[in-house]
Amino acid sequence: MSDCLFCRIVAGEIPATVVRESARTLAFRDVAPQAPVHVLVISRDHHPSIASLLDADESLALELMHEAREVAVAEGIADAGYRLVFNIGDDGGQTVHHVHLHVLGGASLGHVLV
């Protein structure tokens, strides 16, 4: 989708600081981090949200979770703890309608919401 920010990042049209990638996923640093470590894990294929991805490809949804864990390990936050967040729809705070998982950590997060 040419108007989707994350599809344009996947296509290489918009630069991103990539921290991890696989054949079906891409993980990159959030441009407006809400924690010392804030990485987004997305599917390379366009799916509007985790809800629609679960209907289309449950194995890819699980792969996003595995990649998020690997990001936490690589970023050195796995042992201390981290937060994973999916925002779904406008009322859920989703601002880019392409499935993405926030990996947040590097400090005590308390009540931080994304």
C-alpha atoms as a PDB file:
ATOM      1  CA  MET A   1       0.000   0.000   0.000  1.00  0.00           C
ATOM      2  CA  SER A   2       1.689   3.145  -1.211  1.00  0.00           C
ATOM      3  CA  ASP A   3       0.113   5.385   1.448  1.00  0.00           C
ATOM      4  CA  CYS A   4       1.079   3.150   4.390  1.00  0.00           C
ATOM      5  CA  LEU A   5       4.073   4.453   6.336  1.00  0.00           C
ATOM      6  CA  PHE A   6       5.261   0.992   7.380  1.00  0.00           C
ATOM      7  CA  CYS A   7       4.833  -0.462   3.876  1.00  0.00           C
ATOM      8  CA  ARG A   8       7.043   2.371   2.633  1.00  0.00           C
ATOM      9  CA  ILE A   9       9.649   1.529   5.299  1.00  0.00           C
ATOM     10  CA  VAL A  10       9.550  -2.144   4.236  1.00  0.00           C
ATOM     11  CA  ALA A  11      10.004  -1.045   0.603  1.00  0.00           C
ATOM     12  CA  GLY A  12      13.036   1.065   1.561  1.00  0.00           C
ATOM     13  CA  GLU A  13      11.347   4.327   0.538  1.00  0.00           C
ATOM     14  CA  ILE A  14      11.592   5.730   4.069  1.00  0.00           C
ATOM     15  CA  PRO A  15      14.706   5.114   6.165  1.00  0.00           C
ATOM     16  CA  ALA A  16      14.514   3.328   9.505  1.00  0.00           C
ATOM     17  CA  THR A  17      17.060   2.147  12.037  1.00  0.00           C
ATOM     18  CA  VAL A  18      16.629  -1.590  11.623  1.00  0.00           C
ATOM     19  CA  VAL A  19      17.615  -3.735  14.598  1.00  0.00           C
ATOM     20  CA  ARG A  20      16.413  -7.111  13.346  1.00  0.00           C
ATOM     21  CA  GLU A  21      14.775  -8.622  10.296  1.00  0.00           C
ATOM     22  CA  SER A  22      13.514 -11.922   8.983  1.00  0.00           C
ATOM     23  CA  ALA A  23      11.886 -13.019   5.757  1.00  0.00           C
ATOM     24  CA  ARG A  24       8.457 -11.978   7.079  1.00  0.00           C
ATOM     25  CA  THR A  25       9.182  -9.346   9.742  1.00  0.00           C
ATOM     26  CA  LEU A  26      11.119  -6.141  10.286  1.00  0.00           C
ATOM     27  CA  ALA A  27      12.090  -4.555  13.624  1.00  0.00           C
ATOM     28  CA  PHE A  28      13.218  -0.939  13.848  1.00  0.00           C
ATOM     29  CA  ARG A  29      13.574   1.842  16.409  1.00  0.00           C
ATOM     30  CA  ASP A  30      10.553   4.058  17.015  1.00  0.00           C
ATOM     31  CA  VAL A  31      11.181   7.651  15.914  1.00  0.00           C
ATOM     32  CA  ALA A  32       9.342   8.958  19.002  1.00  0.00           C
ATOM     33  CA  PRO A  33      10.471   6.539  21.736  1.00  0.00           C
ATOM     34  CA  GLN A  34       8.395   6.213  24.888  1.00  0.00           C
ATOM     35  CA  ALA A  35      11.147   4.299  26.749  1.00  0.00           C
ATOM     36  CA  PRO A  36      14.949   3.982  26.512  1.00  0.00           C
ATOM     37  CA  VAL A  37      14.373   0.949  24.283  1.00  0.00           C
ATOM     38  CA  HIS A  38      11.400   1.304  21.936  1.00  0.00           C
ATOM     39  CA  VAL A  39      11.425  -0.969  18.919  1.00  0.00           C
ATOM     40  CA  LEU A  40       8.554  -1.728  16.557  1.00  0.00           C
ATOM     41  CA  VAL A  41       8.195  -5.228  15.131  1.00  0.00           C
ATOM     42  CA  ILE A  42       6.065  -5.301  11.977  1.00  0.00           C
ATOM     43  CA  SER A  43       5.035  -7.773   9.325  1.00  0.00           C
ATOM     44  CA  ARG A  44       6.510  -7.170   5.891  1.00  0.00           C
ATOM     45  CA  ASP A  45       3.063  -7.824   4.391  1.00  0.00           C
ATOM     46  CA  HIS A  46       0.346  -5.300   5.048  1.00  0.00           C
ATOM     47  CA  HIS A  47      -2.237  -6.282   7.643  1.00  0.00           C
ATOM     48  CA  PRO A  48      -4.203  -3.452   9.304  1.00  0.00           C
ATOM     49  CA  SER A  49      -3.939  -4.803  12.856  1.00  0.00           C
ATOM     50  CA  ILE A  50      -3.115  -7.856  14.955  1.00  0.00           C
ATOM     51  CA  ALA A  51      -6.833  -8.689  14.890  1.00  0.00           C
ATOM     52  CA  SER A  52      -6.873  -8.914  11.092  1.00  0.00           C
ATOM     53  CA  LEU A  53      -3.518 -10.716  11.047  1.00  0.00           C
ATOM     54  CA  LEU A  54      -4.859 -13.412  13.376  1.00  0.00           C
ATOM     55  CA  ASP A  55      -7.682 -14.022  10.892  1.00  0.00           C
ATOM     56  CA  ALA A  56      -5.268 -14.131   7.943  1.00  0.00           C
ATOM     57  CA  ASP A  57      -2.117 -15.842   9.268  1.00  0.00           C
ATOM     58  CA  GLU A  58      -1.838 -16.988  12.889  1.00  0.00           C
ATOM     59  CA  SER A  59       1.706 -18.280  12.299  1.00  0.00           C
ATOM     60  CA  LEU A  60       2.879 -14.776  11.326  1.00  0.00           C
ATOM     61  CA  ALA A  61       1.260 -13.360  14.462  1.00  0.00           C
ATOM     62  CA  LEU A  62       3.248 -15.849  16.518  1.00  0.00           C
ATOM     63  CA  GLU A  63       6.396 -14.969  14.572  1.00  0.00           C
ATOM     64  CA  LEU A  64       5.951 -11.304  15.566  1.00  0.00           C
ATOM     65  CA  MET A  65       5.953 -12.392  19.210  1.00  0.00           C
ATOM     66  CA  HIS A  66       9.087 -14.513  18.733  1.00  0.00           C
ATOM     67  CA  GLU A  67      10.858 -11.634  16.992  1.00  0.00           C
ATOM     68  CA  ALA A  68       9.876  -9.287  19.828  1.00  0.00           C
ATOM     69  CA  ARG A  69      11.504 -11.660  22.323  1.00  0.00           C
ATOM     70  CA  GLU A  70      14.655 -11.771  20.204  1.00  0.00           C
ATOM     71  CA  VAL A  71      14.714  -7.968  20.074  1.00  0.00           C
ATOM     72  CA  ALA A  72      14.491  -7.868  23.890  1.00  0.00           C
ATOM     73  CA  VAL A  73      17.412 -10.287  24.154  1.00  0.00           C
ATOM     74  CA  ALA A  74      19.501  -8.378  21.608  1.00  0.00           C
ATOM     75  CA  GLU A  75      18.748  -5.037  23.294  1.00  0.00           C
ATOM     76  CA  GLY A  76      19.768  -6.404  26.709  1.00  0.00           C
ATOM     77  CA  ILE A  77      16.382  -5.902  28.358  1.00  0.00           C
ATOM     78  CA  ALA A  78      15.125  -9.493  28.500  1.00  0.00           C
ATOM     79  CA  ASP A  79      16.340 -10.262  32.021  1.00  0.00           C
ATOM     80  CA  ALA A  80      15.216  -6.998  33.648  1.00  0.00           C
ATOM     81  CA  GLY A  81      11.817  -7.090  31.964  1.00  0.00           C
ATOM     82  CA  TYR A  82      10.052  -5.368  29.124  1.00  0.00           C
ATOM     83  CA  ARG A  83       6.590  -4.592  27.816  1.00  0.00           C
ATOM     84  CA  LEU A  84       4.950  -5.734  24.572  1.00  0.00           C
ATOM     85  CA  VAL A  85       2.045  -3.648  23.256  1.00  0.00           C
ATOM     86  CA  PHE A  86      -0.339  -4.049  20.333  1.00  0.00           C
ATOM     87  CA  ASN A  87      -2.625  -1.048  19.802  1.00  0.00           C
ATOM     88  CA  ILE A  88      -5.731  -1.971  17.809  1.00  0.00           C
ATOM     89  CA  GLY A  89      -7.914   0.581  16.033  1.00  0.00           C
ATOM     90  CA  ASP A  90      -8.344   4.277  16.584  1.00  0.00           C
ATOM     91  CA  ASP A  91      -9.864   3.959  20.062  1.00  0.00           C
ATOM     92  CA  GLY A  92      -7.028   1.590  21.025  1.00  0.00           C
ATOM     93  CA  GLY A  93      -4.459   4.230  20.111  1.00  0.00           C
ATOM     94  CA  GLN A  94      -3.295   2.726  16.811  1.00  0.00           C
ATOM     95  CA  THR A  95      -1.934   5.563  14.668  1.00  0.00           C
ATOM     96  CA  VAL A  96      -0.421   3.512  11.826  1.00  0.00           C
ATOM     97  CA  HIS A  97      -2.860   0.932  10.515  1.00  0.00           C
ATOM     98  CA  HIS A  98      -0.267  -1.728   9.738  1.00  0.00           C
ATOM     99  CA  VAL A  99       0.204  -4.429  12.360  1.00  0.00           C
ATOM    100  CA  HIS A 100       3.038  -3.559  14.726  1.00  0.00           C
ATOM    101  CA  LEU A 101       4.190  -4.664  18.132  1.00  0.00           C
ATOM    102  CA  HIS A 102       5.929  -2.232  20.467  1.00  0.00           C
ATOM    103  CA  VAL A 103       8.884  -3.606  22.463  1.00  0.00           C
ATOM    104  CA  LEU A 104       9.523  -1.240  25.383  1.00  0.00           C
ATOM    105  CA  GLY A 105      12.111  -1.446  28.134  1.00  0.00           C
ATOM    106  CA  GLY A 106      15.390  -0.231  29.497  1.00  0.00           C
ATOM    107  CA  ALA A 107      13.815   1.354  32.588  1.00  0.00           C
ATOM    108  CA  SER A 108      10.974   0.757  35.007  1.00  0.00           C
ATOM    109  CA  LEU A 109       7.909   1.454  32.882  1.00  0.00           C
ATOM    110  CA  GLY A 110       5.334   1.822  35.640  1.00  0.00           C
ATOM    111  CA  HIS A 111       2.177   3.117  33.997  1.00  0.00           C
ATOM    112  CA  VAL A 112       3.671   4.157  30.623  1.00  0.00           C
ATOM    113  CA  LEU A 113       1.170   3.583  27.831  1.00  0.00           C
ATOM    114  CA  VAL A 114       1.950   3.664  24.133  1.00  0.00           C
END
